[in-house]
Amino acid sequence: MKLSAITLVIITTVLLVTVAIFAALDFPFNWVFYLTIIGEILLIYMIFRVLKDKYTTKKTFPDFYEDHPVGKEEDRFPK
C-alpha cells in the first residue's frame, strides 16, 4: 500500500506529538528515545516524499485562496 504525502504528514505529526506527550508524562526513557529516533527518520522521509510528490494544480498565484478571492473591492462586497 502506497501512502500519499498528506497521509505521511499526518502520521509523522501524530508520532512526534505522541513523543512530546510521553516525555511530559515521564514514560520510560527507552520508549521516548526510540520513538524520537523513529520520528526523526520519518520526518526526513516525509520531507523527501512531499518534495518529490507529483502533485499538480491549475491554480496560479493570481487565484490566491479559493475562500478569499483577490480582486476589486466591489466584487468582494456587493452593495
N, C-alpha and C. Protein backbone atom coordinates (compact mmCIF):
# COMPACT_ATOMS: atom_id res chain seq x y z
N MET A 1 0.84 -1.17 0.00
CA MET A 1 0.00 0.00 0.00
C MET A 1 0.89 1.24 0.00
N LYS A 2 0.63 2.12 -0.93
CA LYS A 2 1.42 3.35 -1.03
C LYS A 2 0.68 4.49 -0.34
N LEU A 3 1.37 5.16 0.59
CA LEU A 3 0.76 6.25 1.32
C LEU A 3 0.92 7.55 0.54
N SER A 4 -0.10 8.39 0.59
CA SER A 4 0.02 9.70 -0.04
C SER A 4 0.88 10.60 0.85
N ALA A 5 1.29 11.71 0.29
CA ALA A 5 2.17 12.62 1.04
C ALA A 5 1.45 13.20 2.25
N ILE A 6 0.17 13.55 2.11
CA ILE A 6 -0.55 14.14 3.23
C ILE A 6 -0.77 13.12 4.34
N THR A 7 -0.97 11.86 3.99
CA THR A 7 -1.11 10.81 5.00
C THR A 7 0.19 10.67 5.78
N LEU A 8 1.29 10.75 5.10
CA LEU A 8 2.59 10.66 5.76
C LEU A 8 2.83 11.86 6.69
N VAL A 9 2.37 13.03 6.29
CA VAL A 9 2.49 14.22 7.14
C VAL A 9 1.67 14.02 8.42
N ILE A 10 0.47 13.49 8.28
CA ILE A 10 -0.40 13.27 9.45
C ILE A 10 0.21 12.24 10.39
N ILE A 11 0.71 11.14 9.85
CA ILE A 11 1.32 10.09 10.68
C ILE A 11 2.54 10.64 11.43
N THR A 12 3.38 11.38 10.74
CA THR A 12 4.58 11.95 11.36
C THR A 12 4.20 12.93 12.46
N THR A 13 3.22 13.77 12.21
CA THR A 13 2.78 14.74 13.21
C THR A 13 2.24 14.05 14.45
N VAL A 14 1.40 13.04 14.25
CA VAL A 14 0.84 12.32 15.39
C VAL A 14 1.95 11.64 16.19
N LEU A 15 2.91 11.04 15.51
CA LEU A 15 4.01 10.37 16.21
C LEU A 15 4.83 11.35 17.03
N LEU A 16 5.17 12.50 16.47
CA LEU A 16 6.01 13.45 17.19
C LEU A 16 5.25 14.14 18.32
N VAL A 17 3.94 14.33 18.18
CA VAL A 17 3.14 14.86 19.29
C VAL A 17 3.07 13.81 20.40
N THR A 18 2.96 12.55 20.02
CA THR A 18 2.97 11.46 21.00
C THR A 18 4.29 11.43 21.77
N VAL A 19 5.39 11.66 21.11
CA VAL A 19 6.70 11.71 21.79
C VAL A 19 6.69 12.83 22.83
N ALA A 20 6.16 13.99 22.46
CA ALA A 20 6.12 15.10 23.41
C ALA A 20 5.24 14.77 24.62
N ILE A 21 4.11 14.12 24.38
CA ILE A 21 3.23 13.73 25.49
C ILE A 21 3.90 12.69 26.37
N PHE A 22 4.54 11.69 25.76
CA PHE A 22 5.24 10.66 26.53
C PHE A 22 6.34 11.28 27.39
N ALA A 23 7.07 12.23 26.84
CA ALA A 23 8.15 12.87 27.60
C ALA A 23 7.59 13.67 28.77
N ALA A 24 6.46 14.33 28.56
CA ALA A 24 5.85 15.13 29.63
C ALA A 24 5.27 14.24 30.73
N LEU A 25 4.85 13.04 30.38
CA LEU A 25 4.26 12.13 31.36
C LEU A 25 5.28 11.18 31.99
N ASP A 26 6.55 11.44 31.77
CA ASP A 26 7.64 10.63 32.35
C ASP A 26 7.56 9.15 31.99
N PHE A 27 7.30 8.86 30.74
CA PHE A 27 7.37 7.48 30.27
C PHE A 27 8.82 7.02 30.34
N PRO A 28 9.06 5.72 30.32
CA PRO A 28 10.44 5.23 30.36
C PRO A 28 11.29 5.84 29.23
N PHE A 29 12.54 6.10 29.57
CA PHE A 29 13.44 6.77 28.63
C PHE A 29 13.56 6.02 27.31
N ASN A 30 13.65 4.69 27.35
CA ASN A 30 13.84 3.95 26.10
C ASN A 30 12.65 4.11 25.16
N TRP A 31 11.42 4.21 25.66
CA TRP A 31 10.25 4.45 24.80
C TRP A 31 10.38 5.80 24.10
N VAL A 32 10.67 6.82 24.89
CA VAL A 32 10.78 8.18 24.33
C VAL A 32 11.94 8.26 23.35
N PHE A 33 13.06 7.65 23.69
CA PHE A 33 14.24 7.69 22.83
C PHE A 33 13.97 7.02 21.49
N TYR A 34 13.45 5.79 21.51
CA TYR A 34 13.22 5.07 20.25
C TYR A 34 12.12 5.72 19.41
N LEU A 35 11.09 6.23 20.05
CA LEU A 35 10.06 6.95 19.28
C LEU A 35 10.62 8.23 18.67
N THR A 36 11.53 8.88 19.36
CA THR A 36 12.17 10.08 18.82
C THR A 36 13.01 9.74 17.59
N ILE A 37 13.77 8.66 17.67
CA ILE A 37 14.59 8.23 16.53
C ILE A 37 13.71 7.87 15.34
N ILE A 38 12.64 7.10 15.60
CA ILE A 38 11.70 6.74 14.53
C ILE A 38 11.06 7.99 13.96
N GLY A 39 10.69 8.94 14.82
CA GLY A 39 10.08 10.19 14.36
C GLY A 39 11.01 11.02 13.50
N GLU A 40 12.29 11.06 13.86
CA GLU A 40 13.25 11.83 13.06
C GLU A 40 13.46 11.19 11.69
N ILE A 41 13.54 9.87 11.65
CA ILE A 41 13.68 9.18 10.36
C ILE A 41 12.43 9.40 9.50
N LEU A 42 11.27 9.29 10.14
CA LEU A 42 10.01 9.51 9.43
C LEU A 42 9.89 10.96 8.94
N LEU A 43 10.39 11.91 9.71
CA LEU A 43 10.36 13.31 9.32
C LEU A 43 11.20 13.55 8.06
N ILE A 44 12.39 12.98 8.03
CA ILE A 44 13.26 13.13 6.85
C ILE A 44 12.61 12.48 5.63
N TYR A 45 12.05 11.28 5.82
CA TYR A 45 11.36 10.60 4.71
C TYR A 45 10.14 11.39 4.25
N MET A 46 9.40 11.98 5.21
CA MET A 46 8.23 12.78 4.86
C MET A 46 8.62 14.00 4.02
N ILE A 47 9.68 14.68 4.41
CA ILE A 47 10.14 15.85 3.65
C ILE A 47 10.53 15.44 2.23
N PHE A 48 11.24 14.33 2.11
CA PHE A 48 11.62 13.82 0.79
C PHE A 48 10.39 13.52 -0.05
N ARG A 49 9.40 12.83 0.52
CA ARG A 49 8.19 12.46 -0.21
C ARG A 49 7.37 13.68 -0.62
N VAL A 50 7.25 14.67 0.26
CA VAL A 50 6.48 15.87 -0.06
C VAL A 50 7.16 16.65 -1.19
N LEU A 51 8.48 16.75 -1.15
CA LEU A 51 9.19 17.49 -2.19
C LEU A 51 9.19 16.76 -3.53
N LYS A 52 9.14 15.44 -3.51
CA LYS A 52 9.16 14.65 -4.74
C LYS A 52 7.76 14.26 -5.23
N ASP A 53 6.72 14.70 -4.53
CA ASP A 53 5.35 14.34 -4.89
C ASP A 53 4.99 14.90 -6.26
N LYS A 54 4.22 14.15 -7.02
CA LYS A 54 3.83 14.55 -8.38
C LYS A 54 2.54 15.36 -8.40
N TYR A 55 2.26 16.09 -7.34
CA TYR A 55 1.05 16.89 -7.23
C TYR A 55 1.10 18.07 -8.19
N THR A 56 0.03 18.26 -8.94
CA THR A 56 -0.07 19.42 -9.84
C THR A 56 -1.41 20.10 -9.62
N THR A 57 -1.46 21.36 -9.97
CA THR A 57 -2.69 22.12 -9.86
C THR A 57 -2.75 23.12 -11.00
N LYS A 58 -3.96 23.54 -11.31
CA LYS A 58 -4.13 24.55 -12.37
C LYS A 58 -4.20 25.96 -11.77
N LYS A 59 -4.15 26.05 -10.46
CA LYS A 59 -4.20 27.34 -9.80
C LYS A 59 -2.88 28.08 -10.00
N THR A 60 -2.97 29.38 -10.08
CA THR A 60 -1.79 30.23 -10.19
C THR A 60 -1.81 31.24 -9.05
N PHE A 61 -0.74 31.99 -8.90
CA PHE A 61 -0.68 32.95 -7.81
C PHE A 61 -1.81 33.97 -7.86
N PRO A 62 -2.21 34.47 -9.04
CA PRO A 62 -3.33 35.42 -9.05
C PRO A 62 -4.64 34.84 -8.52
N ASP A 63 -4.79 33.51 -8.49
CA ASP A 63 -6.01 32.90 -7.94
C ASP A 63 -6.08 33.05 -6.42
N PHE A 64 -4.95 33.25 -5.79
CA PHE A 64 -4.82 33.42 -4.34
C PHE A 64 -5.52 32.26 -3.63
N TYR A 65 -6.32 32.52 -2.62
CA TYR A 65 -7.03 31.47 -1.90
C TYR A 65 -8.43 31.34 -2.46
N GLU A 66 -8.94 30.11 -2.51
CA GLU A 66 -10.27 29.90 -3.06
C GLU A 66 -11.34 30.53 -2.18
N ASP A 67 -11.15 30.55 -0.87
CA ASP A 67 -12.18 31.09 0.01
C ASP A 67 -12.05 32.60 0.21
N HIS A 68 -11.01 33.20 -0.33
CA HIS A 68 -10.82 34.64 -0.19
C HIS A 68 -10.24 35.18 -1.49
N PRO A 69 -11.08 35.38 -2.50
CA PRO A 69 -10.56 35.81 -3.80
C PRO A 69 -9.98 37.22 -3.76
N VAL A 70 -9.01 37.43 -4.61
CA VAL A 70 -8.39 38.73 -4.73
C VAL A 70 -8.99 39.41 -5.95
N GLY A 71 -9.36 40.62 -5.81
CA GLY A 71 -9.94 41.33 -6.93
C GLY A 71 -10.35 42.72 -6.49
N LYS A 72 -11.26 43.27 -7.25
CA LYS A 72 -11.76 44.59 -6.92
C LYS A 72 -12.56 44.54 -5.64
N GLU A 73 -12.54 45.63 -4.92
CA GLU A 73 -13.29 45.72 -3.67
C GLU A 73 -14.79 45.55 -3.91
N GLU A 74 -15.29 46.04 -5.05
CA GLU A 74 -16.72 45.93 -5.36
C GLU A 74 -17.14 44.48 -5.57
N ASP A 75 -16.22 43.67 -6.10
CA ASP A 75 -16.54 42.27 -6.35
C ASP A 75 -16.67 41.48 -5.05
N ARG A 76 -15.91 41.87 -4.05
CA ARG A 76 -15.94 41.13 -2.79
C ARG A 76 -17.08 41.54 -1.89
N PHE A 77 -17.46 42.82 -1.92
CA PHE A 77 -18.51 43.32 -1.04
C PHE A 77 -19.59 44.00 -1.87
N PRO A 78 -20.52 43.22 -2.42
CA PRO A 78 -21.58 43.83 -3.22
C PRO A 78 -22.51 44.67 -2.34
N LYS A 79 -23.08 45.70 -2.96
CA LYS A 79 -23.96 46.61 -2.20
C LYS A 79 -25.38 46.14 -2.22
